[in-house]
PDB file of N, CA and C in Angstrom:
ATOM      1  N   MET A   1     -26.560 -21.851 -23.884  1.00  0.00           N
ATOM      2  CA  MET A   1     -25.991 -20.518 -23.740  1.00  0.00           C
ATOM      3  C   MET A   1     -25.739 -20.251 -22.264  1.00  0.00           C
ATOM      4  N   SER A   2     -24.582 -19.737 -21.953  1.00  0.00           N
ATOM      5  CA  SER A   2     -24.249 -19.479 -20.547  1.00  0.00           C
ATOM      6  C   SER A   2     -24.429 -17.999 -20.232  1.00  0.00           C
ATOM      7  N   ARG A   3     -24.834 -17.757 -19.012  1.00  0.00           N
ATOM      8  CA  ARG A   3     -24.977 -16.375 -18.547  1.00  0.00           C
ATOM      9  C   ARG A   3     -23.712 -15.961 -17.815  1.00  0.00           C
ATOM     10  N   ASN A   4     -23.234 -14.780 -18.074  1.00  0.00           N
ATOM     11  CA  ASN A   4     -22.057 -14.261 -17.406  1.00  0.00           C
ATOM     12  C   ASN A   4     -22.415 -13.097 -16.487  1.00  0.00           C
ATOM     13  N   TYR A   5     -23.653 -13.077 -16.029  1.00  0.00           N
ATOM     14  CA  TYR A   5     -24.069 -12.000 -15.161  1.00  0.00           C
ATOM     15  C   TYR A   5     -24.921 -12.571 -14.030  1.00  0.00           C
ATOM     16  N   THR A   6     -25.057 -11.803 -12.976  1.00  0.00           N
ATOM     17  CA  THR A   6     -25.858 -12.190 -11.817  1.00  0.00           C
ATOM     18  C   THR A   6     -26.762 -11.028 -11.462  1.00  0.00           C
ATOM     19  N   LYS A   7     -28.020 -11.315 -11.205  1.00  0.00           N
ATOM     20  CA  LYS A   7     -28.956 -10.264 -10.813  1.00  0.00           C
ATOM     21  C   LYS A   7     -28.743  -9.920  -9.345  1.00  0.00           C
ATOM     22  N   TYR A   8     -28.809  -8.631  -9.058  1.00  0.00           N
ATOM     23  CA  TYR A   8     -28.619  -8.185  -7.677  1.00  0.00           C
ATOM     24  C   TYR A   8     -29.365  -6.877  -7.460  1.00  0.00           C
ATOM     25  N   THR A   9     -29.530  -6.523  -6.204  1.00  0.00           N
ATOM     26  CA  THR A   9     -30.026  -5.204  -5.820  1.00  0.00           C
ATOM     27  C   THR A   9     -29.100  -4.669  -4.744  1.00  0.00           C
ATOM     28  N   TYR A  10     -28.927  -3.363  -4.764  1.00  0.00           N
ATOM     29  CA  TYR A  10     -28.079  -2.720  -3.774  1.00  0.00           C
ATOM     30  C   TYR A  10     -28.857  -1.575  -3.139  1.00  0.00           C
ATOM     31  N   ASN A  11     -28.889  -1.566  -1.821  1.00  0.00           N
ATOM     32  CA  ASN A  11     -29.555  -0.508  -1.085  1.00  0.00           C
ATOM     33  C   ASN A  11     -28.490   0.450  -0.560  1.00  0.00           C
ATOM     34  N   PRO A  12     -28.376   1.656  -1.142  1.00  0.00           N
ATOM     35  CA  PRO A  12     -27.323   2.576  -0.708  1.00  0.00           C
ATOM     36  C   PRO A  12     -27.564   3.182   0.667  1.00  0.00           C
ATOM     37  N   VAL A  13     -28.779   3.108   1.174  1.00  0.00           N
ATOM     38  CA  VAL A  13     -29.065   3.676   2.489  1.00  0.00           C
ATOM     39  C   VAL A  13     -28.422   2.833   3.590  1.00  0.00           C
ATOM     40  N   ASN A  14     -28.654   1.530   3.539  1.00  0.00           N
ATOM     41  CA  ASN A  14     -28.075   0.682   4.580  1.00  0.00           C
ATOM     42  C   ASN A  14     -26.896  -0.158   4.069  1.00  0.00           C
ATOM     43  N   HIS A  15     -26.447   0.124   2.853  1.00  0.00           N
ATOM     44  CA  HIS A  15     -25.262  -0.508   2.266  1.00  0.00           C
ATOM     45  C   HIS A  15     -25.376  -2.028   2.234  1.00  0.00           C
ATOM     46  N   ARG A  16     -26.484  -2.531   1.739  1.00  0.00           N
ATOM     47  CA  ARG A  16     -26.702  -3.977   1.643  1.00  0.00           C
ATOM     48  C   ARG A  16     -26.806  -4.390   0.185  1.00  0.00           C
ATOM     49  N   LEU A  17     -26.124  -5.459  -0.111  1.00  0.00           N
ATOM     50  CA  LEU A  17     -26.152  -6.044  -1.443  1.00  0.00           C
ATOM     51  C   LEU A  17     -26.893  -7.372  -1.350  1.00  0.00           C
ATOM     52  N   HIS A  18     -27.909  -7.536  -2.175  1.00  0.00           N
ATOM     53  CA  HIS A  18     -28.691  -8.763  -2.199  1.00  0.00           C
ATOM     54  C   HIS A  18     -28.501  -9.434  -3.551  1.00  0.00           C
ATOM     55  N   ILE A  19     -28.022 -10.676  -3.520  1.00  0.00           N
ATOM     56  CA  ILE A  19     -27.872 -11.467  -4.735  1.00  0.00           C
ATOM     57  C   ILE A  19     -29.220 -12.142  -4.998  1.00  0.00           C
ATOM     58  N   LEU A  20     -29.812 -11.884  -6.156  1.00  0.00           N
ATOM     59  CA  LEU A  20     -31.146 -12.389  -6.471  1.00  0.00           C
ATOM     60  C   LEU A  20     -31.115 -13.722  -7.201  1.00  0.00           C
ATOM     61  N   ASP A  21     -30.018 -14.047  -7.830  1.00  0.00           N
ATOM     62  CA  ASP A  21     -29.902 -15.297  -8.580  1.00  0.00           C
ATOM     63  C   ASP A  21     -29.165 -16.347  -7.764  1.00  0.00           C
ATOM     64  N   GLU A  22     -29.240 -17.546  -8.277  1.00  0.00           N
ATOM     65  CA  GLU A  22     -28.402 -18.612  -7.730  1.00  0.00           C
ATOM     66  C   GLU A  22     -27.028 -18.479  -8.383  1.00  0.00           C
ATOM     67  N   VAL A  23     -25.994 -18.536  -7.585  1.00  0.00           N
ATOM     68  CA  VAL A  23     -24.639 -18.422  -8.122  1.00  0.00           C
ATOM     69  C   VAL A  23     -24.220 -19.807  -8.589  1.00  0.00           C
ATOM     70  N   ARG A  24     -24.067 -19.956  -9.889  1.00  0.00           N
ATOM     71  CA  ARG A  24     -23.777 -21.273 -10.463  1.00  0.00           C
ATOM     72  C   ARG A  24     -22.285 -21.534 -10.609  1.00  0.00           C
ATOM     73  N   THR A  25     -21.524 -20.506 -10.746  1.00  0.00           N
ATOM     74  CA  THR A  25     -20.067 -20.659 -10.869  1.00  0.00           C
ATOM     75  C   THR A  25     -19.420 -19.825  -9.780  1.00  0.00           C
ATOM     76  N   ASP A  26     -18.140 -19.604  -9.900  1.00  0.00           N
ATOM     77  CA  ASP A  26     -17.428 -18.776  -8.920  1.00  0.00           C
ATOM     78  C   ASP A  26     -17.954 -17.357  -8.968  1.00  0.00           C
ATOM     79  N   PHE A  27     -17.941 -16.736  -7.821  1.00  0.00           N
ATOM     80  CA  PHE A  27     -18.452 -15.366  -7.703  1.00  0.00           C
ATOM     81  C   PHE A  27     -17.447 -14.568  -6.888  1.00  0.00           C
ATOM     82  N   MET A  28     -16.943 -13.485  -7.465  1.00  0.00           N
ATOM     83  CA  MET A  28     -15.982 -12.658  -6.761  1.00  0.00           C
ATOM     84  C   MET A  28     -16.533 -11.242  -6.673  1.00  0.00           C
ATOM     85  N   LEU A  29     -16.453 -10.681  -5.485  1.00  0.00           N
ATOM     86  CA  LEU A  29     -16.929  -9.327  -5.251  1.00  0.00           C
ATOM     87  C   LEU A  29     -15.770  -8.510  -4.703  1.00  0.00           C
ATOM     88  N   GLU A  30     -15.433  -7.449  -5.395  1.00  0.00           N
ATOM     89  CA  GLU A  30     -14.338  -6.587  -4.970  1.00  0.00           C
ATOM     90  C   GLU A  30     -14.938  -5.260  -4.533  1.00  0.00           C
ATOM     91  N   THR A  31     -14.634  -4.850  -3.315  1.00  0.00           N
ATOM     92  CA  THR A  31     -15.201  -3.619  -2.776  1.00  0.00           C
ATOM     93  C   THR A  31     -14.090  -2.688  -2.309  1.00  0.00           C
ATOM     94  N   TYR A  32     -14.416  -1.425  -2.263  1.00  0.00           N
ATOM     95  CA  TYR A  32     -13.489  -0.398  -1.801  1.00  0.00           C
ATOM     96  C   TYR A  32     -14.196   0.482  -0.791  1.00  0.00           C
ATOM     97  N   ILE A  33     -13.417   1.146   0.025  1.00  0.00           N
ATOM     98  CA  ILE A  33     -13.963   2.047   1.017  1.00  0.00           C
ATOM     99  C   ILE A  33     -13.216   3.378   0.923  1.00  0.00           C
ATOM    100  N   ARG A  34     -13.930   4.445   1.121  1.00  0.00           N
ATOM    101  CA  ARG A  34     -13.298   5.754   1.133  1.00  0.00           C
ATOM    102  C   ARG A  34     -12.737   6.000   2.535  1.00  0.00           C
ATOM    103  N   ILE A  35     -11.454   6.251   2.612  1.00  0.00           N
ATOM    104  CA  ILE A  35     -10.784   6.483   3.895  1.00  0.00           C
ATOM    105  C   ILE A  35     -10.517   7.970   4.019  1.00  0.00           C
ATOM    106  N   GLU A  36     -10.872   8.514   5.139  1.00  0.00           N
ATOM    107  CA  GLU A  36     -10.646   9.939   5.373  1.00  0.00           C
ATOM    108  C   GLU A  36      -9.145  10.224   5.432  1.00  0.00           C
ATOM    109  N   GLN A  37      -8.758  11.407   5.015  1.00  0.00           N
ATOM    110  CA  GLN A  37      -7.357  11.786   4.935  1.00  0.00           C
ATOM    111  C   GLN A  37      -6.679  11.732   6.302  1.00  0.00           C
ATOM    112  N   GLU A  38      -7.385  12.134   7.339  1.00  0.00           N
ATOM    113  CA  GLU A  38      -6.798  12.126   8.682  1.00  0.00           C
ATOM    114  C   GLU A  38      -6.472  10.704   9.129  1.00  0.00           C
ATOM    115  N   GLU A  39      -7.329   9.748   8.761  1.00  0.00           N
ATOM    116  CA  GLU A  39      -7.093   8.363   9.145  1.00  0.00           C
ATOM    117  C   GLU A  39      -5.872   7.789   8.435  1.00  0.00           C
ATOM    118  N   VAL A  40      -5.664   8.166   7.187  1.00  0.00           N
ATOM    119  CA  VAL A  40      -4.503   7.666   6.446  1.00  0.00           C
ATOM    120  C   VAL A  40      -3.219   8.194   7.064  1.00  0.00           C
ATOM    121  N   PHE A  41      -3.171   9.482   7.355  1.00  0.00           N
ATOM    122  CA  PHE A  41      -1.942  10.073   7.872  1.00  0.00           C
ATOM    123  C   PHE A  41      -1.696   9.743   9.331  1.00  0.00           C
ATOM    124  N   ASN A  42      -2.691   9.235  10.048  1.00  0.00           N
ATOM    125  CA  ASN A  42      -2.494   8.794  11.422  1.00  0.00           C
ATOM    126  C   ASN A  42      -2.061   7.335  11.492  1.00  0.00           C
ATOM    127  N   ASN A  43      -2.093   6.622  10.385  1.00  0.00           N
ATOM    128  CA  ASN A  43      -1.714   5.213  10.346  1.00  0.00           C
ATOM    129  C   ASN A  43      -0.186   5.112  10.355  1.00  0.00           C
ATOM    130  N   GLN A  44       0.377   4.483  11.384  1.00  0.00           N
ATOM    131  CA  GLN A  44       1.833   4.389  11.511  1.00  0.00           C
ATOM    132  C   GLN A  44       2.445   3.545  10.404  1.00  0.00           C
ATOM    133  N   LEU A  45       1.746   2.522   9.946  1.00  0.00           N
ATOM    134  CA  LEU A  45       2.272   1.707   8.848  1.00  0.00           C
ATOM    135  C   LEU A  45       2.396   2.522   7.562  1.00  0.00           C
ATOM    136  N   PHE A  46       1.427   3.396   7.321  1.00  0.00           N
ATOM    137  CA  PHE A  46       1.491   4.275   6.146  1.00  0.00           C
ATOM    138  C   PHE A  46       2.699   5.202   6.253  1.00  0.00           C
ATOM    139  N   LYS A  47       2.930   5.764   7.442  1.00  0.00           N
ATOM    140  CA  LYS A  47       4.080   6.658   7.647  1.00  0.00           C
ATOM    141  C   LYS A  47       5.393   5.908   7.433  1.00  0.00           C
ATOM    142  N   ASP A  48       5.487   4.681   7.958  1.00  0.00           N
ATOM    143  CA  ASP A  48       6.711   3.897   7.782  1.00  0.00           C
ATOM    144  C   ASP A  48       6.939   3.544   6.314  1.00  0.00           C
ATOM    145  N   TYR A  49       5.869   3.211   5.608  1.00  0.00           N
ATOM    146  CA  TYR A  49       5.975   2.856   4.192  1.00  0.00           C
ATOM    147  C   TYR A  49       6.469   4.050   3.371  1.00  0.00           C
ATOM    148  N   ILE A  50       5.905   5.214   3.621  1.00  0.00           N
ATOM    149  CA  ILE A  50       6.324   6.425   2.896  1.00  0.00           C
ATOM    150  C   ILE A  50       7.745   6.823   3.266  1.00  0.00           C
ATOM    151  N   THR A  51       8.103   6.700   4.548  1.00  0.00           N
ATOM    152  CA  THR A  51       9.463   7.014   4.986  1.00  0.00           C
ATOM    153  C   THR A  51      10.466   6.095   4.310  1.00  0.00           C
ATOM    154  N   ALA A  52      10.150   4.809   4.217  1.00  0.00           N
ATOM    155  CA  ALA A  52      11.049   3.854   3.567  1.00  0.00           C
ATOM    156  C   ALA A  52      11.243   4.193   2.094  1.00  0.00           C
ATOM    157  N   LEU A  53      10.155   4.470   1.394  1.00  0.00           N
ATOM    158  CA  LEU A  53      10.274   4.841  -0.023  1.00  0.00           C
ATOM    159  C   LEU A  53      11.062   6.135  -0.194  1.00  0.00           C
ATOM    160  N   SER A  54      10.877   7.080   0.721  1.00  0.00           N
ATOM    161  CA  SER A  54      11.596   8.349   0.645  1.00  0.00           C
ATOM    162  C   SER A  54      13.094   8.149   0.865  1.00  0.00           C
ATOM    163  N   ARG A  55      13.456   7.286   1.811  1.00  0.00           N
ATOM    164  CA  ARG A  55      14.881   7.016   2.051  1.00  0.00           C
ATOM    165  C   ARG A  55      15.525   6.367   0.835  1.00  0.00           C
ATOM    166  N   ILE A  56      14.817   5.448   0.212  1.00  0.00           N
ATOM    167  CA  ILE A  56      15.360   4.797  -0.981  1.00  0.00           C
ATOM    168  C   ILE A  56      15.553   5.809  -2.099  1.00  0.00           C
ATOM    169  N   ARG A  57      14.557   6.652  -2.333  1.00  0.00           N
ATOM    170  CA  ARG A  57      14.663   7.662  -3.398  1.00  0.00           C
ATOM    171  C   ARG A  57      15.752   8.690  -3.095  1.00  0.00           C
ATOM    172  N   LEU A  58      15.890   9.067  -1.820  1.00  0.00           N
ATOM    173  CA  LEU A  58      16.946  10.018  -1.439  1.00  0.00           C
ATOM    174  C   LEU A  58      18.319   9.416  -1.689  1.00  0.00           C
ATOM    175  N   GLY A  59      18.506   8.158  -1.315  1.00  0.00           N
ATOM    176  CA  GLY A  59      19.785   7.494  -1.563  1.00  0.00           C
ATOM    177  C   GLY A  59      20.096   7.393  -3.040  1.00  0.00           C
ATOM    178  N   GLU A  60      19.073   7.090  -3.841  1.00  0.00           N
ATOM    179  CA  GLU A  60      19.285   7.015  -5.290  1.00  0.00           C
ATOM    180  C   GLU A  60      19.632   8.386  -5.870  1.00  0.00           C
ATOM    181  N   ALA A  61      18.968   9.426  -5.394  1.00  0.00           N
ATOM    182  CA  ALA A  61      19.229  10.777  -5.914  1.00  0.00           C
ATOM    183  C   ALA A  61      20.610  11.269  -5.493  1.00  0.00           C
ATOM    184  N   LEU A  62      20.998  11.040  -4.242  1.00  0.00           N
ATOM    185  CA  LEU A  62      22.304  11.502  -3.770  1.00  0.00           C
ATOM    186  C   LEU A  62      23.438  10.693  -4.382  1.00  0.00           C
ATOM    187  N   GLY A  63      23.160   9.452  -4.749  1.00  0.00           N
ATOM    188  CA  GLY A  63      24.188   8.604  -5.345  1.00  0.00           C
ATOM    189  C   GLY A  63      24.580   9.041  -6.740  1.00  0.00           C
ATOM    190  N   ARG A  64      23.776   9.856  -7.365  1.00  0.00           N
ATOM    191  CA  ARG A  64      24.073  10.332  -8.725  1.00  0.00           C
ATOM    192  C   ARG A  64      24.979  11.553  -8.737  1.00  0.00           C
ATOM    193  N   MET A  65      25.176  12.163  -7.568  1.00  0.00           N
ATOM    194  CA  MET A  65      25.980  13.383  -7.501  1.00  0.00           C
ATOM    195  C   MET A  65      27.206  13.162  -6.625  1.00  0.00           C
ATOM    196  N   THR A  66      28.235  13.968  -6.865  1.00  0.00           N
ATOM    197  CA  THR A  66      29.444  13.941  -6.044  1.00  0.00           C
ATOM    198  C   THR A  66      29.532  15.259  -5.293  1.00  0.00           C
ATOM    199  N   PHE A  67      29.715  15.172  -3.993  1.00  0.00           N
ATOM    200  CA  PHE A  67      29.803  16.366  -3.163  1.00  0.00           C
ATOM    201  C   PHE A  67      31.235  16.550  -2.683  1.00  0.00           C
ATOM    202  N   ASN A  68      31.785  17.750  -2.868  1.00  0.00           N
ATOM    203  CA  ASN A  68      33.089  18.092  -2.315  1.00  0.00           C
ATOM    204  C   ASN A  68      32.860  18.878  -1.037  1.00  0.00           C
ATOM    205  N   MET A  69      33.128  18.243   0.099  1.00  0.00           N
ATOM    206  CA  MET A  69      32.881  18.882   1.375  1.00  0.00           C
ATOM    207  C   MET A  69      34.187  18.980   2.147  1.00  0.00           C
ATOM    208  N   ARG A  70      34.193  19.836   3.144  1.00  0.00           N
ATOM    209  CA  ARG A  70      35.395  20.018   3.940  1.00  0.00           C
ATOM    210  C   ARG A  70      35.698  18.779   4.785  1.00  0.00           C
ATOM    211  N   ARG A  71      36.960  18.634   5.131  1.00  0.00           N
ATOM    212  CA  ARG A  71      37.458  17.584   6.031  1.00  0.00           C
ATOM    213  C   ARG A  71      37.128  16.181   5.526  1.00  0.00           C
ATOM    214  N   GLU A  72      37.115  16.022   4.236  1.00  0.00           N
ATOM    215  CA  GLU A  72      36.903  14.720   3.604  1.00  0.00           C
ATOM    216  C   GLU A  72      35.610  14.052   4.066  1.00  0.00           C
ATOM    217  N   PHE A  73      34.584  14.835   4.251  1.00  0.00           N
ATOM    218  CA  PHE A  73      33.269  14.324   4.644  1.00  0.00           C
ATOM    219  C   PHE A  73      32.547  13.854   3.398  1.00  0.00           C
ATOM    220  N   SER A  74      31.945  12.694   3.467  1.00  0.00           N
ATOM    221  CA  SER A  74      31.197  12.186   2.323  1.00  0.00           C
ATOM    222  C   SER A  74      29.850  11.644   2.800  1.00  0.00           C
ATOM    223  N   ILE A  75      28.907  11.670   1.916  1.00  0.00           N
ATOM    224  CA  ILE A  75      27.572  11.159   2.223  1.00  0.00           C
ATOM    225  C   ILE A  75      27.507   9.709   1.777  1.00  0.00           C
ATOM    226  N   GLN A  76      27.089   8.836   2.670  1.00  0.00           N
ATOM    227  CA  GLN A  76      26.962   7.417   2.366  1.00  0.00           C
ATOM    228  C   GLN A  76      25.568   7.147   1.786  1.00  0.00           C
ATOM    229  N   CYS A  77      25.467   7.137   0.487  1.00  0.00           N
ATOM    230  CA  CYS A  77      24.179   6.937  -0.176  1.00  0.00           C
ATOM    231  C   CYS A  77      23.653   5.520   0.043  1.00  0.00           C
ATOM    232  N   GLY A  78      24.553   4.579   0.120  1.00  0.00           N
ATOM    233  CA  GLY A  78      24.151   3.199   0.348  1.00  0.00           C
ATOM    234  C   GLY A  78      23.453   3.014   1.687  1.00  0.00           C
ATOM    235  N   TRP A  79      23.799   3.838   2.675  1.00  0.00           N
ATOM    236  CA  TRP A  79      23.163   3.747   3.990  1.00  0.00           C
ATOM    237  C   TRP A  79      21.684   4.095   3.881  1.00  0.00           C
ATOM    238  N   PHE A  80      21.365   5.158   3.143  1.00  0.00           N
ATOM    239  CA  PHE A  80      19.965   5.542   2.967  1.00  0.00           C
ATOM    240  C   PHE A  80      19.172   4.430   2.283  1.00  0.00           C
ATOM    241  N   ILE A  81      19.757   3.858   1.252  1.00  0.00           N
ATOM    242  CA  ILE A  81      19.069   2.802   0.508  1.00  0.00           C
ATOM    243  C   ILE A  81      18.901   1.554   1.379  1.00  0.00           C
ATOM    244  N   ALA A  82      19.928   1.182   2.125  1.00  0.00           N
ATOM    245  CA  ALA A  82      19.843  -0.004   2.980  1.00  0.00           C
ATOM    246  C   ALA A  82      18.808   0.179   4.089  1.00  0.00           C
ATOM    247  N   GLN A  83      18.807   1.362   4.715  1.00  0.00           N
ATOM    248  CA  GLN A  83      17.822   1.633   5.767  1.00  0.00           C
ATOM    249  C   GLN A  83      16.408   1.643   5.197  1.00  0.00           C
ATOM    250  N   GLY A  84      16.239   2.224   4.020  1.00  0.00           N
ATOM    251  CA  GLY A  84      14.929   2.250   3.378  1.00  0.00           C
ATOM    252  C   GLY A  84      14.446   0.859   3.014  1.00  0.00           C
ATOM    253  N   ASP A  85      15.348   0.028   2.467  1.00  0.00           N
ATOM    254  CA  ASP A  85      14.965  -1.347   2.112  1.00  0.00           C
ATOM    255  C   ASP A  85      14.573  -2.143   3.354  1.00  0.00           C
ATOM    256  N   ALA A  86      15.330  -1.980   4.441  1.00  0.00           N
ATOM    257  CA  ALA A  86      15.016  -2.712   5.673  1.00  0.00           C
ATOM    258  C   ALA A  86      13.651  -2.303   6.225  1.00  0.00           C
ATOM    259  N   LEU A  87      13.386  -0.996   6.261  1.00  0.00           N
ATOM    260  CA  LEU A  87      12.105  -0.510   6.768  1.00  0.00           C
ATOM    261  C   LEU A  87      10.963  -0.912   5.852  1.00  0.00           C
ATOM    262  N   LEU A  88      11.190  -0.894   4.549  1.00  0.00           N
ATOM    263  CA  LEU A  88      10.157  -1.288   3.588  1.00  0.00           C
ATOM    264  C   LEU A  88       9.804  -2.769   3.744  1.00  0.00           C
ATOM    265  N   THR A  89      10.803  -3.611   3.880  1.00  0.00           N
ATOM    266  CA  THR A  89      10.559  -5.043   4.068  1.00  0.00           C
ATOM    267  C   THR A  89       9.806  -5.300   5.361  1.00  0.00           C
ATOM    268  N   LYS A  90      10.218  -4.627   6.430  1.00  0.00           N
ATOM    269  CA  LYS A  90       9.557  -4.802   7.727  1.00  0.00           C
ATOM    270  C   LYS A  90       8.094  -4.347   7.657  1.00  0.00           C
ATOM    271  N   THR A  91       7.849  -3.213   7.021  1.00  0.00           N
ATOM    272  CA  THR A  91       6.491  -2.684   6.918  1.00  0.00           C
ATOM    273  C   THR A  91       5.610  -3.590   6.067  1.00  0.00           C
ATOM    274  N   GLU A  92       6.132  -4.078   4.954  1.00  0.00           N
ATOM    275  CA  GLU A  92       5.353  -4.985   4.102  1.00  0.00           C
ATOM    276  C   GLU A  92       4.997  -6.264   4.849  1.00  0.00           C
ATOM    277  N   GLU A  93       5.911  -6.787   5.656  1.00  0.00           N
ATOM    278  CA  GLU A  93       5.617  -7.988   6.441  1.00  0.00           C
ATOM    279  C   GLU A  93       4.526  -7.711   7.474  1.00  0.00           C
ATOM    280  N   LEU A  94       4.576  -6.544   8.114  1.00  0.00           N
ATOM    281  CA  LEU A  94       3.545  -6.197   9.093  1.00  0.00           C
ATOM    282  C   LEU A  94       2.174  -6.040   8.437  1.00  0.00           C
ATOM    283  N   VAL A  95       2.148  -5.455   7.252  1.00  0.00           N
ATOM    284  CA  VAL A  95       0.875  -5.272   6.550  1.00  0.00           C
ATOM    285  C   VAL A  95       0.311  -6.621   6.116  1.00  0.00           C
ATOM    286  N   LYS A  96       1.170  -7.496   5.599  1.00  0.00           N
ATOM    287  CA  LYS A  96       0.708  -8.816   5.164  1.00  0.00           C
ATOM    288  C   LYS A  96       0.236  -9.660   6.346  1.00  0.00           C
ATOM    289  N   ALA A  97       0.772  -9.412   7.542  1.00  0.00           N
ATOM    290  CA  ALA A  97       0.366 -10.169   8.730  1.00  0.00           C
ATOM    291  C   ALA A  97      -1.001  -9.735   9.255  1.00  0.00           C
ATOM    292  N   GLN A  98      -1.453  -8.543   8.862  1.00  0.00           N
ATOM    293  CA  GLN A  98      -2.757  -8.068   9.310  1.00  0.00           C
ATOM    294  C   GLN A  98      -3.862  -8.855   8.628  1.00  0.00           C
ATOM    295  N   SER A  99      -5.052  -8.705   9.145  1.00  0.00           N
ATOM    296  CA  SER A  99      -6.193  -9.387   8.540  1.00  0.00           C
ATOM    297  C   SER A  99      -6.456  -8.806   7.152  1.00  0.00           C
ATOM    298  N   PRO A 100      -7.075  -9.579   6.269  1.00  0.00           N
ATOM    299  CA  PRO A 100      -7.347  -9.074   4.923  1.00  0.00           C
ATOM    300  C   PRO A 100      -8.362  -7.933   4.903  1.00  0.00           C
ATOM    301  N   ASN A 101      -9.040  -7.698   6.001  1.00  0.00           N
ATOM    302  CA  ASN A 101     -10.014  -6.614   6.058  1.00  0.00           C
ATOM    303  C   ASN A 101      -9.384  -5.292   6.457  1.00  0.00           C
ATOM    304  N   ALA A 102      -8.069  -5.254   6.611  1.00  0.00           N
ATOM    305  CA  ALA A 102      -7.404  -4.019   7.005  1.00  0.00           C
ATOM    306  C   ALA A 102      -7.552  -2.979   5.897  1.00  0.00           C
ATOM    307  N   SER A 103      -7.448  -1.734   6.273  1.00  0.00           N
ATOM    308  CA  SER A 103      -7.699  -0.655   5.323  1.00  0.00           C
ATOM    309  C   SER A 103      -6.429  -0.195   4.625  1.00  0.00           C
ATOM    310  N   PHE A 104      -5.390  -0.996   4.618  1.00  0.00           N
ATOM    311  CA  PHE A 104      -4.122  -0.603   4.009  1.00  0.00           C
ATOM    312  C   PHE A 104      -3.601  -1.778   3.199  1.00  0.00           C
ATOM    313  N   PHE A 105      -3.327  -1.574   1.939  1.00  0.00           N
ATOM    314  CA  PHE A 105      -2.764  -2.638   1.130  1.00  0.00           C
ATOM    315  C   PHE A 105      -1.682  -2.044   0.267  1.00  0.00           C
ATOM    316  N   ILE A 106      -0.800  -2.879  -0.202  1.00  0.00           N
ATOM    317  CA  ILE A 106       0.367  -2.425  -0.955  1.00  0.00           C
ATOM    318  C   ILE A 106       0.208  -2.840  -2.403  1.00  0.00           C
ATOM    319  N   MET A 107       0.379  -1.900  -3.300  1.00  0.00           N
ATOM    320  CA  MET A 107       0.367  -2.190  -4.722  1.00  0.00           C
ATOM    321  C   MET A 107       1.761  -2.633  -5.111  1.00  0.00           C
ATOM    322  N   LYS A 108       1.857  -3.397  -6.171  1.00  0.00           N
ATOM    323  CA  LYS A 108       3.163  -3.859  -6.651  1.00  0.00           C
ATOM    324  C   LYS A 108       3.974  -2.675  -7.143  1.00  0.00           C
ATOM    325  N   ARG A 109       5.265  -2.717  -6.873  1.00  0.00           N
ATOM    326  CA  ARG A 109       6.156  -1.651  -7.325  1.00  0.00           C
ATOM    327  C   ARG A 109       6.558  -1.866  -8.749  1.00  0.00           C
TER     328      ARG A 109
END
């Protein structure tokens, strides 16, 4: 019979995890950290990521409507989408280049 569990103790005061058993197979530990709101909004990569997504959504929303404006002025919806895609790609590359311990990660779209 195989065991699918590992004995451990966790000390919440000093944030230490002690593995009490011998790890016989692969062992994966996934952890999360609570990030303060001020730290998230001060992160330039977060701002660039949100700006890129906003430009893409704005271009998609404006592309669904037709505007009649004076002097044959038109809104280039493709420009918003192209700028958003470029900034999004650049930001994702910068995030992936950071160390895996960085406090910012991108979920799949």
